[in-house]
Amino acid sequence: MSPKEIFSSACSRKPEIHYPCVWQYKVIGKELHLVKNAIKEICAPVPVTITYSHSSASGKYHSFNAEIEVQDEEARLSIFRALHDHAAVKFVL
C-alpha cells in the first residue's frame, strides 16, 4: 500500500472514541460574556471548564476552550450542534 493510500484510508475512517470521555470544544465568537454564557447554558447541568484561549489580531473575535465529560457520541454531537446553532457563537471546532 502506498503512503497516499494509507493516508487516504486513515482519513476516511471514523476515529475510535471510548466513552465516557473528556471532550474539548473550541468556541469562537465576538462578545466574550455572551460566548461564555452560551457554553454554560448549553452544557448545563454538566460541569464544564471554560478557559479563555485567544483573540484575533483585530480583537474582533475571541475563542474559548470548553472541556466537558460526555457520556456518548449522541451527547458529544448534541453539544456541538447546540453551540454551532447559538446566535453568540460564530465557529465551533
Protein backbone atom coordinates (compact mmCIF):
# COMPACT_ATOMS: atom_id res chain seq x y z
CA MET A 1 0.00 0.00 0.00
CA SER A 2 1.41 3.39 -0.97
CA PRO A 3 1.73 6.25 1.56
CA LYS A 4 -1.05 8.10 -0.29
CA GLU A 5 -3.38 5.09 0.04
CA ILE A 6 -2.56 4.69 3.73
CA PHE A 7 -3.24 8.38 4.36
CA SER A 8 -6.50 8.26 2.42
CA SER A 9 -7.64 5.16 4.29
CA ALA A 10 -6.78 6.65 7.69
CA CYS A 11 -8.60 9.91 6.90
CA SER A 12 -11.76 8.17 5.78
CA ARG A 13 -12.14 6.10 8.96
CA LYS A 14 -14.16 7.35 11.88
CA PRO A 15 -11.98 7.90 14.97
CA GLU A 16 -12.39 5.39 17.77
CA ILE A 17 -13.60 7.25 20.87
CA HIS A 18 -14.13 5.46 24.18
CA TYR A 19 -16.98 6.88 26.25
CA PRO A 20 -17.40 8.40 28.72
CA CYS A 21 -14.54 10.76 27.95
CA VAL A 22 -13.49 14.35 28.40
CA TRP A 23 -14.07 16.28 25.18
CA GLN A 24 -12.85 19.75 24.29
CA TYR A 25 -14.61 22.21 22.02
CA LYS A 26 -13.02 25.39 20.67
CA VAL A 27 -15.78 28.03 20.66
CA ILE A 28 -15.32 31.34 18.84
CA GLY A 29 -17.49 34.45 18.93
CA LYS A 30 -17.47 38.24 19.16
CA GLU A 31 -18.83 39.02 22.64
CA LEU A 32 -16.80 37.47 25.46
CA HIS A 33 -19.56 37.22 28.04
CA LEU A 34 -22.20 36.05 25.53
CA VAL A 35 -20.00 33.22 24.27
CA LYS A 36 -19.09 32.13 27.79
CA ASN A 37 -22.75 32.23 28.88
CA ALA A 38 -23.77 30.23 25.80
CA ILE A 39 -21.28 27.50 26.68
CA LYS A 40 -22.51 27.33 30.30
CA GLU A 41 -26.16 27.31 29.23
CA ILE A 42 -25.73 24.56 26.63
CA CYS A 43 -23.59 22.30 28.82
CA ALA A 44 -25.75 22.63 31.96
CA PRO A 45 -26.27 20.78 34.23
CA VAL A 46 -22.97 19.00 33.47
CA PRO A 47 -19.95 20.92 34.82
CA VAL A 48 -17.84 22.48 32.09
CA THR A 49 -14.37 24.01 32.37
CA ILE A 50 -14.12 27.16 30.26
CA THR A 51 -10.76 28.74 29.60
CA TYR A 52 -10.03 31.80 27.52
CA SER A 53 -7.85 30.87 24.57
CA HIS A 54 -7.12 33.68 22.13
CA SER A 55 -8.24 36.94 20.48
CA SER A 56 -7.93 37.71 16.80
CA ALA A 57 -5.34 40.30 15.79
CA SER A 58 -8.09 42.89 15.38
CA GLY A 59 -9.72 41.95 18.69
CA LYS A 60 -12.99 41.27 16.89
CA TYR A 61 -13.16 37.54 17.73
CA HIS A 62 -12.39 35.65 20.92
CA SER A 63 -12.01 31.94 21.49
CA PHE A 64 -12.57 29.70 24.47
CA ASN A 65 -11.79 26.07 25.21
CA ALA A 66 -14.76 24.27 26.73
CA GLU A 67 -13.90 20.95 28.35
CA ILE A 68 -16.69 18.62 29.43
CA GLU A 69 -17.19 14.94 30.11
CA VAL A 70 -19.52 13.41 27.52
CA GLN A 71 -21.25 10.09 28.10
CA ASP A 72 -21.71 9.04 24.48
CA GLU A 73 -21.47 10.17 20.87
CA GLU A 74 -25.03 11.48 20.89
CA ALA A 75 -24.25 13.83 23.79
CA ARG A 76 -20.97 14.97 22.16
CA LEU A 77 -22.66 15.78 18.87
CA SER A 78 -25.70 17.34 20.54
CA ILE A 79 -23.48 19.83 22.40
CA PHE A 80 -21.60 20.58 19.18
CA ARG A 81 -24.83 21.28 17.27
CA ALA A 82 -26.25 23.44 20.07
CA LEU A 83 -23.06 25.52 20.24
CA HIS A 84 -22.96 25.79 16.44
CA ASP A 85 -26.56 27.00 16.30
CA HIS A 86 -26.30 29.56 19.12
CA ALA A 87 -26.51 33.19 17.99
CA ALA A 88 -23.48 34.28 20.07
CA VAL A 89 -21.21 31.61 18.55
CA LYS A 90 -19.54 32.12 15.15
CA PHE A 91 -17.49 28.89 14.95
CA VAL A 92 -17.08 25.61 16.83
CA LEU A 93 -14.18 23.24 16.38
